[in-house]
């Protein structure tokens, strides 16, 4: 899993490339938290255009970041999930908390 982050349109964007699973979850948590801790943006967007797979550990990563952002009054969004990831997010109820752009 590769995680890139950049400022775009007044938001912090994370582009995730590859598989977000048990093996990569801790690294993704650390990388995203480090960027979130120093960002001054009110919106954070997780771009899942290039994510090929996600398991329950990946859901935990997204929900953990959502909780962390919500505690700091910041908004969290999901952008362009591929169909297999979109299905997992839908079935797990993630979209009830994190809006899809």
N, C-alpha and C. Protein backbone atom coordinates (compact mmCIF):
# COMPACT_ATOMS: atom_id res chain seq x y z
N UNK A 1 0.84 -1.18 0.00
CA UNK A 1 0.00 0.00 0.00
C UNK A 1 0.89 1.24 0.00
N UNK A 2 0.56 2.12 -0.90
CA UNK A 2 1.24 3.41 -0.99
C UNK A 2 0.21 4.48 -0.62
N UNK A 3 0.58 5.40 0.23
CA UNK A 3 -0.30 6.51 0.61
C UNK A 3 0.40 7.81 0.25
N UNK A 4 -0.26 8.59 -0.58
CA UNK A 4 0.25 9.91 -0.94
C UNK A 4 -0.72 10.94 -0.39
N UNK A 5 -0.19 12.07 0.06
CA UNK A 5 -1.10 13.12 0.50
C UNK A 5 -0.70 14.45 -0.13
N UNK A 6 -1.72 15.27 -0.36
CA UNK A 6 -1.51 16.58 -0.96
C UNK A 6 -2.67 17.50 -0.63
N UNK A 7 -2.41 18.78 -0.66
CA UNK A 7 -3.45 19.78 -0.49
C UNK A 7 -4.05 20.05 -1.86
N UNK A 8 -5.38 20.04 -1.91
CA UNK A 8 -6.07 20.32 -3.17
C UNK A 8 -7.44 20.89 -2.84
N UNK A 9 -7.78 21.99 -3.45
CA UNK A 9 -9.10 22.60 -3.27
C UNK A 9 -9.42 22.88 -1.80
N UNK A 10 -8.43 23.27 -1.04
CA UNK A 10 -8.63 23.61 0.37
C UNK A 10 -8.88 22.42 1.28
N UNK A 11 -8.49 21.22 0.81
CA UNK A 11 -8.67 20.00 1.61
C UNK A 11 -7.38 19.19 1.57
N UNK A 12 -7.25 18.28 2.52
CA UNK A 12 -6.13 17.35 2.53
C UNK A 12 -6.61 16.06 1.88
N UNK A 13 -5.96 15.67 0.79
CA UNK A 13 -6.32 14.46 0.05
C UNK A 13 -5.30 13.36 0.31
N UNK A 14 -5.80 12.17 0.62
CA UNK A 14 -4.97 10.98 0.70
C UNK A 14 -5.32 10.09 -0.48
N UNK A 15 -4.35 9.79 -1.31
CA UNK A 15 -4.55 8.84 -2.40
C UNK A 15 -3.93 7.53 -1.95
N UNK A 16 -4.76 6.48 -1.95
CA UNK A 16 -4.31 5.16 -1.48
C UNK A 16 -4.21 4.23 -2.67
N UNK A 17 -3.03 3.64 -2.81
CA UNK A 17 -2.75 2.79 -3.97
C UNK A 17 -2.40 1.39 -3.48
N UNK A 18 -3.16 0.40 -3.93
CA UNK A 18 -2.88 -0.98 -3.55
C UNK A 18 -3.93 -1.56 -2.63
N UNK A 19 -3.50 -2.45 -1.74
CA UNK A 19 -4.39 -3.17 -0.84
C UNK A 19 -4.29 -2.64 0.59
N UNK A 20 -5.43 -2.31 1.15
CA UNK A 20 -5.48 -1.88 2.55
C UNK A 20 -6.03 -3.06 3.36
N UNK A 21 -5.11 -3.79 3.96
CA UNK A 21 -5.48 -4.99 4.70
C UNK A 21 -4.69 -5.05 6.00
N UNK A 22 -4.79 -6.17 6.67
CA UNK A 22 -4.12 -6.36 7.95
C UNK A 22 -2.63 -6.03 7.89
N UNK A 23 -2.00 -6.38 6.79
CA UNK A 23 -0.55 -6.20 6.65
C UNK A 23 -0.14 -4.74 6.49
N UNK A 24 -1.03 -3.92 5.94
CA UNK A 24 -0.66 -2.52 5.68
C UNK A 24 -1.37 -1.53 6.60
N UNK A 25 -2.32 -1.98 7.38
CA UNK A 25 -3.16 -1.08 8.18
C UNK A 25 -2.35 -0.19 9.13
N UNK A 26 -1.40 -0.75 9.85
CA UNK A 26 -0.64 0.03 10.83
C UNK A 26 0.16 1.15 10.16
N UNK A 27 0.79 0.84 9.05
CA UNK A 27 1.58 1.86 8.33
C UNK A 27 0.66 2.96 7.82
N UNK A 28 -0.49 2.59 7.30
CA UNK A 28 -1.44 3.59 6.79
C UNK A 28 -1.94 4.46 7.94
N UNK A 29 -2.25 3.85 9.07
CA UNK A 29 -2.67 4.63 10.25
C UNK A 29 -1.61 5.66 10.62
N UNK A 30 -0.39 5.22 10.71
CA UNK A 30 0.70 6.11 11.11
C UNK A 30 0.91 7.24 10.11
N UNK A 31 0.91 6.92 8.82
CA UNK A 31 1.14 7.94 7.79
C UNK A 31 0.00 8.96 7.74
N UNK A 32 -1.23 8.48 7.80
CA UNK A 32 -2.36 9.41 7.74
C UNK A 32 -2.45 10.25 9.01
N UNK A 33 -2.25 9.63 10.16
CA UNK A 33 -2.30 10.39 11.41
C UNK A 33 -1.23 11.47 11.47
N UNK A 34 -0.04 11.16 10.99
CA UNK A 34 1.05 12.14 11.00
C UNK A 34 0.68 13.36 10.16
N UNK A 35 0.08 13.14 9.01
CA UNK A 35 -0.32 14.26 8.14
C UNK A 35 -1.52 15.01 8.73
N UNK A 36 -2.47 14.27 9.29
CA UNK A 36 -3.65 14.91 9.89
C UNK A 36 -3.26 15.78 11.08
N UNK A 37 -2.31 15.31 11.87
CA UNK A 37 -1.89 16.05 13.07
C UNK A 37 -1.31 17.42 12.75
N UNK A 38 -0.71 17.58 11.60
CA UNK A 38 -0.10 18.87 11.25
C UNK A 38 -0.92 19.67 10.25
N UNK A 39 -2.03 19.10 9.78
CA UNK A 39 -2.83 19.81 8.78
C UNK A 39 -3.76 20.80 9.46
N UNK A 40 -4.09 21.83 8.72
CA UNK A 40 -5.00 22.85 9.22
C UNK A 40 -6.27 22.89 8.39
N UNK A 41 -6.56 21.82 7.69
CA UNK A 41 -7.71 21.77 6.80
C UNK A 41 -8.93 21.26 7.54
N UNK A 42 -10.09 21.73 7.14
CA UNK A 42 -11.35 21.30 7.75
C UNK A 42 -11.91 20.06 7.05
N UNK A 43 -11.39 19.75 5.87
CA UNK A 43 -11.87 18.58 5.11
C UNK A 43 -10.70 17.67 4.77
N UNK A 44 -10.95 16.37 4.94
CA UNK A 44 -9.97 15.35 4.56
C UNK A 44 -10.68 14.37 3.65
N UNK A 45 -10.05 14.08 2.51
CA UNK A 45 -10.65 13.21 1.51
C UNK A 45 -9.75 12.00 1.28
N UNK A 46 -10.34 10.82 1.36
CA UNK A 46 -9.63 9.58 1.07
C UNK A 46 -10.00 9.16 -0.35
N UNK A 47 -9.06 9.32 -1.26
CA UNK A 47 -9.25 8.97 -2.66
C UNK A 47 -8.90 7.49 -2.84
N UNK A 48 -9.92 6.69 -3.15
CA UNK A 48 -9.74 5.23 -3.26
C UNK A 48 -9.76 4.76 -4.71
N UNK A 49 -9.48 5.65 -5.63
CA UNK A 49 -9.48 5.33 -7.05
C UNK A 49 -8.55 4.17 -7.38
N UNK A 50 -7.42 4.10 -6.70
CA UNK A 50 -6.40 3.10 -7.02
C UNK A 50 -6.27 2.01 -5.95
N UNK A 51 -7.27 1.90 -5.10
CA UNK A 51 -7.25 0.85 -4.08
C UNK A 51 -7.84 -0.42 -4.68
N UNK A 52 -7.08 -1.48 -4.68
CA UNK A 52 -7.52 -2.71 -5.33
C UNK A 52 -8.24 -3.67 -4.39
N UNK A 53 -8.07 -3.49 -3.07
CA UNK A 53 -8.68 -4.41 -2.10
C UNK A 53 -8.69 -3.76 -0.73
N UNK A 54 -9.72 -4.08 0.06
CA UNK A 54 -9.77 -3.65 1.45
C UNK A 54 -10.49 -4.71 2.26
N UNK A 55 -9.95 -5.02 3.44
CA UNK A 55 -10.62 -5.96 4.33
C UNK A 55 -11.11 -5.21 5.57
N UNK A 56 -11.49 -5.93 6.60
CA UNK A 56 -12.02 -5.30 7.81
C UNK A 56 -11.00 -4.40 8.49
N UNK A 57 -9.72 -4.71 8.35
CA UNK A 57 -8.68 -3.84 8.92
C UNK A 57 -8.70 -2.48 8.23
N UNK A 58 -8.95 -2.47 6.94
CA UNK A 58 -9.06 -1.22 6.19
C UNK A 58 -10.25 -0.40 6.62
N UNK A 59 -11.37 -1.09 6.87
CA UNK A 59 -12.55 -0.40 7.39
C UNK A 59 -12.20 0.25 8.73
N UNK A 60 -11.49 -0.48 9.57
CA UNK A 60 -11.07 0.06 10.86
C UNK A 60 -10.18 1.29 10.71
N UNK A 61 -9.30 1.27 9.73
CA UNK A 61 -8.43 2.43 9.49
C UNK A 61 -9.28 3.65 9.13
N UNK A 62 -10.22 3.49 8.20
CA UNK A 62 -11.05 4.62 7.79
C UNK A 62 -11.92 5.12 8.94
N UNK A 63 -12.53 4.20 9.68
CA UNK A 63 -13.39 4.62 10.79
C UNK A 63 -12.58 5.28 11.91
N UNK A 64 -11.38 4.80 12.15
CA UNK A 64 -10.53 5.42 13.15
C UNK A 64 -10.14 6.84 12.77
N UNK A 65 -9.85 7.05 11.47
CA UNK A 65 -9.51 8.40 11.02
C UNK A 65 -10.75 9.28 11.09
N UNK A 66 -11.91 8.74 10.73
CA UNK A 66 -13.16 9.49 10.83
C UNK A 66 -13.37 9.97 12.27
N UNK A 67 -13.23 9.08 13.22
CA UNK A 67 -13.43 9.43 14.63
C UNK A 67 -12.45 10.51 15.07
N UNK A 68 -11.21 10.34 14.70
CA UNK A 68 -10.16 11.31 15.05
C UNK A 68 -10.48 12.69 14.46
N UNK A 69 -10.90 12.72 13.21
CA UNK A 69 -11.24 13.98 12.55
C UNK A 69 -12.49 14.60 13.16
N UNK A 70 -13.50 13.79 13.42
CA UNK A 70 -14.75 14.30 14.00
C UNK A 70 -14.51 14.93 15.37
N UNK A 71 -13.63 14.34 16.16
CA UNK A 71 -13.30 14.90 17.47
C UNK A 71 -12.69 16.30 17.35
N UNK A 72 -12.05 16.56 16.22
CA UNK A 72 -11.43 17.87 15.97
C UNK A 72 -12.27 18.74 15.04
N UNK A 73 -13.55 18.36 14.90
CA UNK A 73 -14.51 19.12 14.09
C UNK A 73 -14.08 19.27 12.63
N UNK A 74 -13.52 18.19 12.10
CA UNK A 74 -13.12 18.17 10.69
C UNK A 74 -13.98 17.15 9.95
N UNK A 75 -14.21 17.40 8.69
CA UNK A 75 -15.05 16.52 7.87
C UNK A 75 -14.19 15.51 7.13
N UNK A 76 -14.76 14.35 6.89
CA UNK A 76 -14.06 13.25 6.25
C UNK A 76 -14.92 12.73 5.10
N UNK A 77 -14.29 12.46 3.95
CA UNK A 77 -15.02 12.00 2.77
C UNK A 77 -14.26 10.85 2.09
N UNK A 78 -15.01 10.07 1.32
CA UNK A 78 -14.43 9.02 0.49
C UNK A 78 -14.71 9.39 -0.96
N UNK A 79 -13.68 9.27 -1.79
CA UNK A 79 -13.77 9.63 -3.20
C UNK A 79 -13.43 8.43 -4.08
N UNK A 80 -14.25 8.18 -5.08
CA UNK A 80 -13.97 7.22 -6.16
C UNK A 80 -13.58 5.81 -5.72
N UNK A 81 -14.32 5.18 -4.84
CA UNK A 81 -13.94 3.79 -4.51
C UNK A 81 -14.20 2.88 -5.71
N UNK A 82 -13.28 1.97 -5.97
CA UNK A 82 -13.50 0.99 -7.03
C UNK A 82 -14.67 0.10 -6.61
N UNK A 83 -15.33 -0.57 -7.55
CA UNK A 83 -16.54 -1.34 -7.22
C UNK A 83 -16.39 -2.34 -6.07
N UNK A 84 -15.30 -3.09 -6.01
CA UNK A 84 -15.15 -4.08 -4.93
C UNK A 84 -15.03 -3.40 -3.57
N UNK A 85 -14.32 -2.29 -3.51
CA UNK A 85 -14.18 -1.54 -2.25
C UNK A 85 -15.49 -0.84 -1.91
N UNK A 86 -16.17 -0.29 -2.91
CA UNK A 86 -17.46 0.36 -2.70
C UNK A 86 -18.46 -0.63 -2.08
N UNK A 87 -18.45 -1.84 -2.56
CA UNK A 87 -19.37 -2.86 -2.04
C UNK A 87 -19.07 -3.16 -0.56
N UNK A 88 -17.81 -3.27 -0.23
CA UNK A 88 -17.41 -3.53 1.16
C UNK A 88 -17.82 -2.36 2.06
N UNK A 89 -17.61 -1.15 1.59
CA UNK A 89 -17.98 0.03 2.37
C UNK A 89 -19.49 0.13 2.54
N UNK A 90 -20.23 -0.20 1.51
CA UNK A 90 -21.69 -0.18 1.58
C UNK A 90 -22.20 -1.24 2.55
N UNK A 91 -21.73 -2.47 2.41
CA UNK A 91 -22.20 -3.57 3.25
C UNK A 91 -21.85 -3.34 4.72
N UNK A 92 -20.73 -2.70 4.99
CA UNK A 92 -20.30 -2.49 6.37
C UNK A 92 -20.95 -1.26 7.01
N UNK A 93 -21.63 -0.45 6.22
CA UNK A 93 -22.30 0.73 6.75
C UNK A 93 -21.41 1.95 6.93
N UNK A 94 -20.23 1.92 6.36
CA UNK A 94 -19.29 3.04 6.50
C UNK A 94 -19.89 4.34 5.96
N UNK A 95 -20.66 4.24 4.89
CA UNK A 95 -21.23 5.46 4.29
C UNK A 95 -22.25 6.14 5.19
N UNK A 96 -22.69 5.49 6.23
CA UNK A 96 -23.59 6.14 7.18
C UNK A 96 -22.83 7.19 7.99
N UNK A 97 -21.51 7.02 8.08
CA UNK A 97 -20.67 7.96 8.83
C UNK A 97 -19.83 8.84 7.92
N UNK A 98 -19.20 8.22 6.94
CA UNK A 98 -18.29 8.95 6.04
C UNK A 98 -19.00 9.13 4.70
N UNK A 99 -19.20 10.37 4.32
CA UNK A 99 -19.90 10.66 3.07
C UNK A 99 -19.02 10.33 1.87
N UNK A 100 -19.69 9.91 0.81
CA UNK A 100 -19.00 9.63 -0.46
C UNK A 100 -19.15 10.85 -1.36
N UNK A 101 -18.04 11.28 -1.94
CA UNK A 101 -18.09 12.42 -2.89
C UNK A 101 -18.32 11.90 -4.29
